[in-house]
Structures are given as structure tokens and as C-alpha cells.
């Protein structure tokens, strides 16, 4: 399993999720206390931080999607 591919795909999926609930990266960063740059890096696949991913889970991201995604990679 290629960890970098999984994290890149996860970042894109989380970005899609964030957009679907109608918030910007700035709003998400403000709500979670993280820097917008950290959110951006994660969504672009340039960060391997699982802490950032957990922020999406806290916002309601369906973790079952992660299982399906890993199976596809």
C-alpha cells in the first residue's frame, strides 16, 4: 500500500467534503485553530499529518469513505 498515494487521495477527498459543507479553507482553519496553510498543504497531499485529518472527522467526515479509498489504491 502506497502511503503517499493514500494521503494525497485523502487530502483531495477531504477538500471535496469541506466544499460540500460550504466552508472555505480559511473558515475551516478558524474553526479548528489550525493555520490555513496547514489545511491547504493537507488537501494538496503535501502534508502527512493525520492530526489535520482528524479535524475533518470531527467536522463529520465519514470515515467509512477512508476504508473504501484505501481499497482502491
PDB file of N, CA and C in Angstrom:
ATOM      1  N   UNK A   1       0.836  -1.173   0.000  1.00  0.00           N
ATOM      2  CA  UNK A   1       0.000   0.000   0.000  1.00  0.00           C
ATOM      3  C   UNK A   1       0.886   1.244   0.000  1.00  0.00           C
ATOM      4  N   UNK A   2       0.651   2.139  -0.921  1.00  0.00           N
ATOM      5  CA  UNK A   2       1.462   3.346  -1.053  1.00  0.00           C
ATOM      6  C   UNK A   2       0.878   4.458  -0.178  1.00  0.00           C
ATOM      7  N   UNK A   3       1.535   4.719   0.936  1.00  0.00           N
ATOM      8  CA  UNK A   3       1.063   5.689   1.924  1.00  0.00           C
ATOM      9  C   UNK A   3       0.905   7.081   1.317  1.00  0.00           C
ATOM     10  N   UNK A   4       1.863   7.513   0.506  1.00  0.00           N
ATOM     11  CA  UNK A   4       1.782   8.852  -0.089  1.00  0.00           C
ATOM     12  C   UNK A   4       0.575   8.993  -1.007  1.00  0.00           C
ATOM     13  N   UNK A   5       0.281   7.945  -1.767  1.00  0.00           N
ATOM     14  CA  UNK A   5      -0.900   7.986  -2.643  1.00  0.00           C
ATOM     15  C   UNK A   5      -2.180   8.057  -1.821  1.00  0.00           C
ATOM     16  N   UNK A   6      -2.206   7.294  -0.743  1.00  0.00           N
ATOM     17  CA  UNK A   6      -3.383   7.305   0.122  1.00  0.00           C
ATOM     18  C   UNK A   6      -3.577   8.699   0.720  1.00  0.00           C
ATOM     19  N   UNK A   7      -2.501   9.301   1.222  1.00  0.00           N
ATOM     20  CA  UNK A   7      -2.613  10.621   1.833  1.00  0.00           C
ATOM     21  C   UNK A   7      -3.006  11.680   0.808  1.00  0.00           C
ATOM     22  N   UNK A   8      -2.495  11.576  -0.413  1.00  0.00           N
ATOM     23  CA  UNK A   8      -2.864  12.529  -1.461  1.00  0.00           C
ATOM     24  C   UNK A   8      -4.345  12.394  -1.789  1.00  0.00           C
ATOM     25  N   UNK A   9      -4.802  11.183  -1.916  1.00  0.00           N
ATOM     26  CA  UNK A   9      -6.225  10.942  -2.215  1.00  0.00           C
ATOM     27  C   UNK A   9      -7.101  11.396  -1.058  1.00  0.00           C
ATOM     28  N   UNK A  10      -6.662  11.129   0.149  1.00  0.00           N
ATOM     29  CA  UNK A  10      -7.402  11.539   1.332  1.00  0.00           C
ATOM     30  C   UNK A  10      -7.519  13.067   1.392  1.00  0.00           C
ATOM     31  N   UNK A  11      -6.438  13.748   1.087  1.00  0.00           N
ATOM     32  CA  UNK A  11      -6.463  15.208   1.080  1.00  0.00           C
ATOM     33  C   UNK A  11      -7.467  15.751   0.083  1.00  0.00           C
ATOM     34  N   UNK A  12      -7.481  15.182  -1.109  1.00  0.00           N
ATOM     35  CA  UNK A  12      -8.447  15.615  -2.132  1.00  0.00           C
ATOM     36  C   UNK A  12      -9.880  15.331  -1.683  1.00  0.00           C
ATOM     37  N   UNK A  13     -10.085  14.172  -1.099  1.00  0.00           N
ATOM     38  CA  UNK A  13     -11.418  13.805  -0.646  1.00  0.00           C
ATOM     39  C   UNK A  13     -11.883  14.720   0.484  1.00  0.00           C
ATOM     40  N   UNK A  14     -10.991  15.058   1.386  1.00  0.00           N
ATOM     41  CA  UNK A  14     -11.345  15.962   2.482  1.00  0.00           C
ATOM     42  C   UNK A  14     -11.652  17.359   1.941  1.00  0.00           C
ATOM     43  N   UNK A  15     -10.917  17.796   0.927  1.00  0.00           N
ATOM     44  CA  UNK A  15     -11.199  19.092   0.305  1.00  0.00           C
ATOM     45  C   UNK A  15     -12.596  19.076  -0.312  1.00  0.00           C
ATOM     46  N   UNK A  16     -12.923  17.998  -0.997  1.00  0.00           N
ATOM     47  CA  UNK A  16     -14.264  17.868  -1.586  1.00  0.00           C
ATOM     48  C   UNK A  16     -15.331  17.895  -0.496  1.00  0.00           C
ATOM     49  N   UNK A  17     -15.063  17.206   0.601  1.00  0.00           N
ATOM     50  CA  UNK A  17     -16.012  17.195   1.715  1.00  0.00           C
ATOM     51  C   UNK A  17     -16.191  18.605   2.282  1.00  0.00           C
ATOM     52  N   UNK A  18     -15.087  19.292   2.527  1.00  0.00           N
ATOM     53  CA  UNK A  18     -15.149  20.647   3.083  1.00  0.00           C
ATOM     54  C   UNK A  18     -15.988  21.548   2.185  1.00  0.00           C
ATOM     55  N   UNK A  19     -15.763  21.456   0.894  1.00  0.00           N
ATOM     56  CA  UNK A  19     -16.522  22.266  -0.054  1.00  0.00           C
ATOM     57  C   UNK A  19     -18.004  21.892  -0.036  1.00  0.00           C
ATOM     58  N   UNK A  20     -18.293  20.607   0.129  1.00  0.00           N
ATOM     59  CA  UNK A  20     -19.689  20.150   0.116  1.00  0.00           C
ATOM     60  C   UNK A  20     -20.479  20.681   1.309  1.00  0.00           C
ATOM     61  N   UNK A  21     -19.786  20.977   2.411  1.00  0.00           N
ATOM     62  CA  UNK A  21     -20.484  21.538   3.570  1.00  0.00           C
ATOM     63  C   UNK A  21     -20.427  23.062   3.558  1.00  0.00           C
ATOM     64  N   UNK A  22     -19.850  23.608   2.483  1.00  0.00           N
ATOM     65  CA  UNK A  22     -19.926  25.041   2.240  1.00  0.00           C
ATOM     66  C   UNK A  22     -19.020  25.929   3.058  1.00  0.00           C
ATOM     67  N   UNK A  23     -17.819  25.433   3.402  1.00  0.00           N
ATOM     68  CA  UNK A  23     -16.883  26.305   4.116  1.00  0.00           C
ATOM     69  C   UNK A  23     -15.565  26.402   3.364  1.00  0.00           C
ATOM     70  N   UNK A  24     -14.910  27.534   3.525  1.00  0.00           N
ATOM     71  CA  UNK A  24     -13.618  27.766   2.884  1.00  0.00           C
ATOM     72  C   UNK A  24     -12.500  27.205   3.763  1.00  0.00           C
ATOM     73  N   UNK A  25     -11.306  27.158   3.198  1.00  0.00           N
ATOM     74  CA  UNK A  25     -10.151  26.737   3.999  1.00  0.00           C
ATOM     75  C   UNK A  25      -9.941  27.694   5.165  1.00  0.00           C
ATOM     76  N   UNK A  26     -10.110  28.986   4.917  1.00  0.00           N
ATOM     77  CA  UNK A  26      -9.943  29.972   5.991  1.00  0.00           C
ATOM     78  C   UNK A  26     -10.946  29.734   7.123  1.00  0.00           C
ATOM     79  N   UNK A  27     -12.197  29.482   6.766  1.00  0.00           N
ATOM     80  CA  UNK A  27     -13.217  29.225   7.780  1.00  0.00           C
ATOM     81  C   UNK A  27     -12.913  27.941   8.546  1.00  0.00           C
ATOM     82  N   UNK A  28     -12.499  26.914   7.817  1.00  0.00           N
ATOM     83  CA  UNK A  28     -12.157  25.644   8.456  1.00  0.00           C
ATOM     84  C   UNK A  28     -10.984  25.831   9.409  1.00  0.00           C
ATOM     85  N   UNK A  29      -9.988  26.568   8.966  1.00  0.00           N
ATOM     86  CA  UNK A  29      -8.818  26.831   9.802  1.00  0.00           C
ATOM     87  C   UNK A  29      -9.222  27.595  11.061  1.00  0.00           C
ATOM     88  N   UNK A  30     -10.050  28.596  10.887  1.00  0.00           N
ATOM     89  CA  UNK A  30     -10.502  29.395  12.029  1.00  0.00           C
ATOM     90  C   UNK A  30     -11.287  28.553  13.030  1.00  0.00           C
ATOM     91  N   UNK A  31     -12.151  27.694  12.532  1.00  0.00           N
ATOM     92  CA  UNK A  31     -12.972  26.840  13.399  1.00  0.00           C
ATOM     93  C   UNK A  31     -12.143  25.810  14.162  1.00  0.00           C
ATOM     94  N   UNK A  32     -11.044  25.371  13.571  1.00  0.00           N
ATOM     95  CA  UNK A  32     -10.260  24.294  14.174  1.00  0.00           C
ATOM     96  C   UNK A  32      -9.006  24.765  14.900  1.00  0.00           C
ATOM     97  N   UNK A  33      -8.630  26.026  14.692  1.00  0.00           N
ATOM     98  CA  UNK A  33      -7.435  26.543  15.336  1.00  0.00           C
ATOM     99  C   UNK A  33      -6.142  26.199  14.611  1.00  0.00           C
ATOM    100  N   UNK A  34      -6.245  25.677  13.404  1.00  0.00           N
ATOM    101  CA  UNK A  34      -5.066  25.374  12.595  1.00  0.00           C
ATOM    102  C   UNK A  34      -4.846  26.479  11.579  1.00  0.00           C
ATOM    103  N   UNK A  35      -3.626  26.599  11.109  1.00  0.00           N
ATOM    104  CA  UNK A  35      -3.304  27.599  10.091  1.00  0.00           C
ATOM    105  C   UNK A  35      -3.900  27.176   8.750  1.00  0.00           C
ATOM    106  N   UNK A  36      -4.342  28.149   7.978  1.00  0.00           N
ATOM    107  CA  UNK A  36      -4.897  27.872   6.655  1.00  0.00           C
ATOM    108  C   UNK A  36      -3.870  27.152   5.796  1.00  0.00           C
ATOM    109  N   UNK A  37      -2.594  27.490   5.945  1.00  0.00           N
ATOM    110  CA  UNK A  37      -1.537  26.828   5.188  1.00  0.00           C
ATOM    111  C   UNK A  37      -1.439  25.341   5.489  1.00  0.00           C
ATOM    112  N   UNK A  38      -1.699  24.960   6.733  1.00  0.00           N
ATOM    113  CA  UNK A  38      -1.685  23.545   7.111  1.00  0.00           C
ATOM    114  C   UNK A  38      -2.841  22.807   6.455  1.00  0.00           C
ATOM    115  N   UNK A  39      -4.015  23.457   6.416  1.00  0.00           N
ATOM    116  CA  UNK A  39      -5.185  22.859   5.781  1.00  0.00           C
ATOM    117  C   UNK A  39      -4.918  22.698   4.285  1.00  0.00           C
ATOM    118  N   UNK A  40      -4.392  23.740   3.675  1.00  0.00           N
ATOM    119  CA  UNK A  40      -4.097  23.717   2.243  1.00  0.00           C
ATOM    120  C   UNK A  40      -3.088  22.620   1.889  1.00  0.00           C
ATOM    121  N   UNK A  41      -2.016  22.538   2.678  1.00  0.00           N
ATOM    122  CA  UNK A  41      -0.982  21.529   2.420  1.00  0.00           C
ATOM    123  C   UNK A  41      -1.566  20.125   2.519  1.00  0.00           C
ATOM    124  N   UNK A  42      -2.403  19.881   3.513  1.00  0.00           N
ATOM    125  CA  UNK A  42      -3.010  18.570   3.677  1.00  0.00           C
ATOM    126  C   UNK A  42      -3.901  18.244   2.483  1.00  0.00           C
ATOM    127  N   UNK A  43      -4.727  19.202   2.079  1.00  0.00           N
ATOM    128  CA  UNK A  43      -5.652  18.951   0.973  1.00  0.00           C
ATOM    129  C   UNK A  43      -4.928  18.733  -0.353  1.00  0.00           C
ATOM    130  N   UNK A  44      -3.744  19.309  -0.504  1.00  0.00           N
ATOM    131  CA  UNK A  44      -2.963  19.123  -1.732  1.00  0.00           C
ATOM    132  C   UNK A  44      -2.076  17.881  -1.674  1.00  0.00           C
ATOM    133  N   UNK A  45      -2.099  17.187  -0.549  1.00  0.00           N
ATOM    134  CA  UNK A  45      -1.290  15.977  -0.417  1.00  0.00           C
ATOM    135  C   UNK A  45       0.153  16.256  -0.042  1.00  0.00           C
ATOM    136  N   UNK A  46       0.427  17.476   0.408  1.00  0.00           N
ATOM    137  CA  UNK A  46       1.798  17.856   0.769  1.00  0.00           C
ATOM    138  C   UNK A  46       2.066  17.756   2.263  1.00  0.00           C
ATOM    139  N   UNK A  47       1.134  17.225   2.995  1.00  0.00           N
ATOM    140  CA  UNK A  47       1.303  17.041   4.433  1.00  0.00           C
ATOM    141  C   UNK A  47       0.878  15.632   4.788  1.00  0.00           C
ATOM    142  N   UNK A  48       1.646  14.998   5.614  1.00  0.00           N
ATOM    143  CA  UNK A  48       1.333  13.638   6.044  1.00  0.00           C
ATOM    144  C   UNK A  48       0.689  13.650   7.427  1.00  0.00           C
ATOM    145  N   UNK A  49       0.194  14.812   7.853  1.00  0.00           N
ATOM    146  CA  UNK A  49      -0.346  14.971   9.197  1.00  0.00           C
ATOM    147  C   UNK A  49      -1.720  14.331   9.356  1.00  0.00           C
ATOM    148  N   UNK A  50      -1.777  13.308  10.148  1.00  0.00           N
ATOM    149  CA  UNK A  50      -3.074  12.700  10.446  1.00  0.00           C
ATOM    150  C   UNK A  50      -3.861  13.552  11.425  1.00  0.00           C
ATOM    151  N   UNK A  51      -3.186  14.448  12.142  1.00  0.00           N
ATOM    152  CA  UNK A  51      -3.899  15.361  13.031  1.00  0.00           C
ATOM    153  C   UNK A  51      -4.865  16.232  12.253  1.00  0.00           C
ATOM    154  N   UNK A  52      -4.425  16.699  11.093  1.00  0.00           N
ATOM    155  CA  UNK A  52      -5.306  17.520  10.263  1.00  0.00           C
ATOM    156  C   UNK A  52      -6.489  16.684   9.804  1.00  0.00           C
ATOM    157  N   UNK A  53      -6.259  15.444   9.418  1.00  0.00           N
ATOM    158  CA  UNK A  53      -7.354  14.568   9.005  1.00  0.00           C
ATOM    159  C   UNK A  53      -8.383  14.425  10.126  1.00  0.00           C
ATOM    160  N   UNK A  54      -7.927  14.303  11.349  1.00  0.00           N
ATOM    161  CA  UNK A  54      -8.852  14.142  12.467  1.00  0.00           C
ATOM    162  C   UNK A  54      -9.762  15.356  12.640  1.00  0.00           C
ATOM    163  N   UNK A  55      -9.317  16.523  12.190  1.00  0.00           N
ATOM    164  CA  UNK A  55     -10.179  17.708  12.225  1.00  0.00           C
ATOM    165  C   UNK A  55     -11.379  17.520  11.307  1.00  0.00           C
ATOM    166  N   UNK A  56     -11.149  16.896  10.162  1.00  0.00           N
ATOM    167  CA  UNK A  56     -12.245  16.627   9.225  1.00  0.00           C
ATOM    168  C   UNK A  56     -13.220  15.613   9.826  1.00  0.00           C
ATOM    169  N   UNK A  57     -12.676  14.614  10.512  1.00  0.00           N
ATOM    170  CA  UNK A  57     -13.526  13.614  11.153  1.00  0.00           C
ATOM    171  C   UNK A  57     -14.409  14.303  12.196  1.00  0.00           C
ATOM    172  N   UNK A  58     -13.814  15.197  12.953  1.00  0.00           N
ATOM    173  CA  UNK A  58     -14.569  15.930  13.969  1.00  0.00           C
ATOM    174  C   UNK A  58     -15.681  16.778  13.337  1.00  0.00           C
ATOM    175  N   UNK A  59     -15.463  17.233  12.101  1.00  0.00           N
ATOM    176  CA  UNK A  59     -16.456  18.031  11.389  1.00  0.00           C
ATOM    177  C   UNK A  59     -17.539  17.167  10.747  1.00  0.00           C
ATOM    178  N   UNK A  60     -17.377  15.843  10.795  1.00  0.00           N
ATOM    179  CA  UNK A  60     -18.408  14.970  10.264  1.00  0.00           C
ATOM    180  C   UNK A  60     -18.009  14.144   9.056  1.00  0.00           C
ATOM    181  N   UNK A  61     -16.738  14.178   8.665  1.00  0.00           N
ATOM    182  CA  UNK A  61     -16.265  13.358   7.554  1.00  0.00           C
ATOM    183  C   UNK A  61     -16.526  11.888   7.864  1.00  0.00           C
ATOM    184  N   UNK A  62     -17.108  11.169   6.927  1.00  0.00           N
ATOM    185  CA  UNK A  62     -17.461   9.760   7.097  1.00  0.00           C
ATOM    186  C   UNK A  62     -16.216   8.887   6.940  1.00  0.00           C
ATOM    187  N   UNK A  63     -15.738   8.327   8.034  1.00  0.00           N
ATOM    188  CA  UNK A  63     -14.507   7.543   7.987  1.00  0.00           C
ATOM    189  C   UNK A  63     -14.645   6.259   7.179  1.00  0.00           C
ATOM    190  N   UNK A  64     -15.868   5.804   6.929  1.00  0.00           N
ATOM    191  CA  UNK A  64     -16.046   4.635   6.065  1.00  0.00           C
ATOM    192  C   UNK A  64     -15.539   4.910   4.659  1.00  0.00           C
ATOM    193  N   UNK A  65     -15.551   6.181   4.256  1.00  0.00           N
ATOM    194  CA  UNK A  65     -15.011   6.554   2.951  1.00  0.00           C
ATOM    195  C   UNK A  65     -13.518   6.248   2.872  1.00  0.00           C
ATOM    196  N   UNK A  66     -12.824   6.386   3.993  1.00  0.00           N
ATOM    197  CA  UNK A  66     -11.387   6.114   4.042  1.00  0.00           C
ATOM    198  C   UNK A  66     -11.121   4.640   3.727  1.00  0.00           C
ATOM    199  N   UNK A  67     -11.896   3.746   4.314  1.00  0.00           N
ATOM    200  CA  UNK A  67     -11.714   2.319   4.052  1.00  0.00           C
ATOM    201  C   UNK A  67     -11.876   2.023   2.580  1.00  0.00           C
ATOM    202  N   UNK A  68     -12.915   2.573   1.982  1.00  0.00           N
ATOM    203  CA  UNK A  68     -13.162   2.357   0.553  1.00  0.00           C
ATOM    204  C   UNK A  68     -12.022   2.921  -0.288  1.00  0.00           C
ATOM    205  N   UNK A  69     -11.511   4.077   0.108  1.00  0.00           N
ATOM    206  CA  UNK A  69     -10.435   4.715  -0.623  1.00  0.00           C
ATOM    207  C   UNK A  69      -9.154   3.882  -0.573  1.00  0.00           C
ATOM    208  N   UNK A  70      -8.826   3.360   0.592  1.00  0.00           N
ATOM    209  CA  UNK A  70      -7.618   2.546   0.739  1.00  0.00           C
ATOM    210  C   UNK A  70      -7.711   1.300  -0.115  1.00  0.00           C
ATOM    211  N   UNK A  71      -8.893   0.737  -0.217  1.00  0.00           N
ATOM    212  CA  UNK A  71      -9.067  -0.458  -1.037  1.00  0.00           C
ATOM    213  C   UNK A  71      -8.865  -0.166  -2.519  1.00  0.00           C
ATOM    214  N   UNK A  72      -9.136   1.072  -2.951  1.00  0.00           N
ATOM    215  CA  UNK A  72      -8.980   1.451  -4.342  1.00  0.00           C
ATOM    216  C   UNK A  72      -7.526   1.701  -4.721  1.00  0.00           C
ATOM    217  N   UNK A  73      -6.698   2.120  -3.761  1.00  0.00           N
ATOM    218  CA  UNK A  73      -5.305   2.498  -4.067  1.00  0.00           C
ATOM    219  C   UNK A  73      -4.436   1.271  -4.210  1.00  0.00           C
TER     220      UNK A  73
END
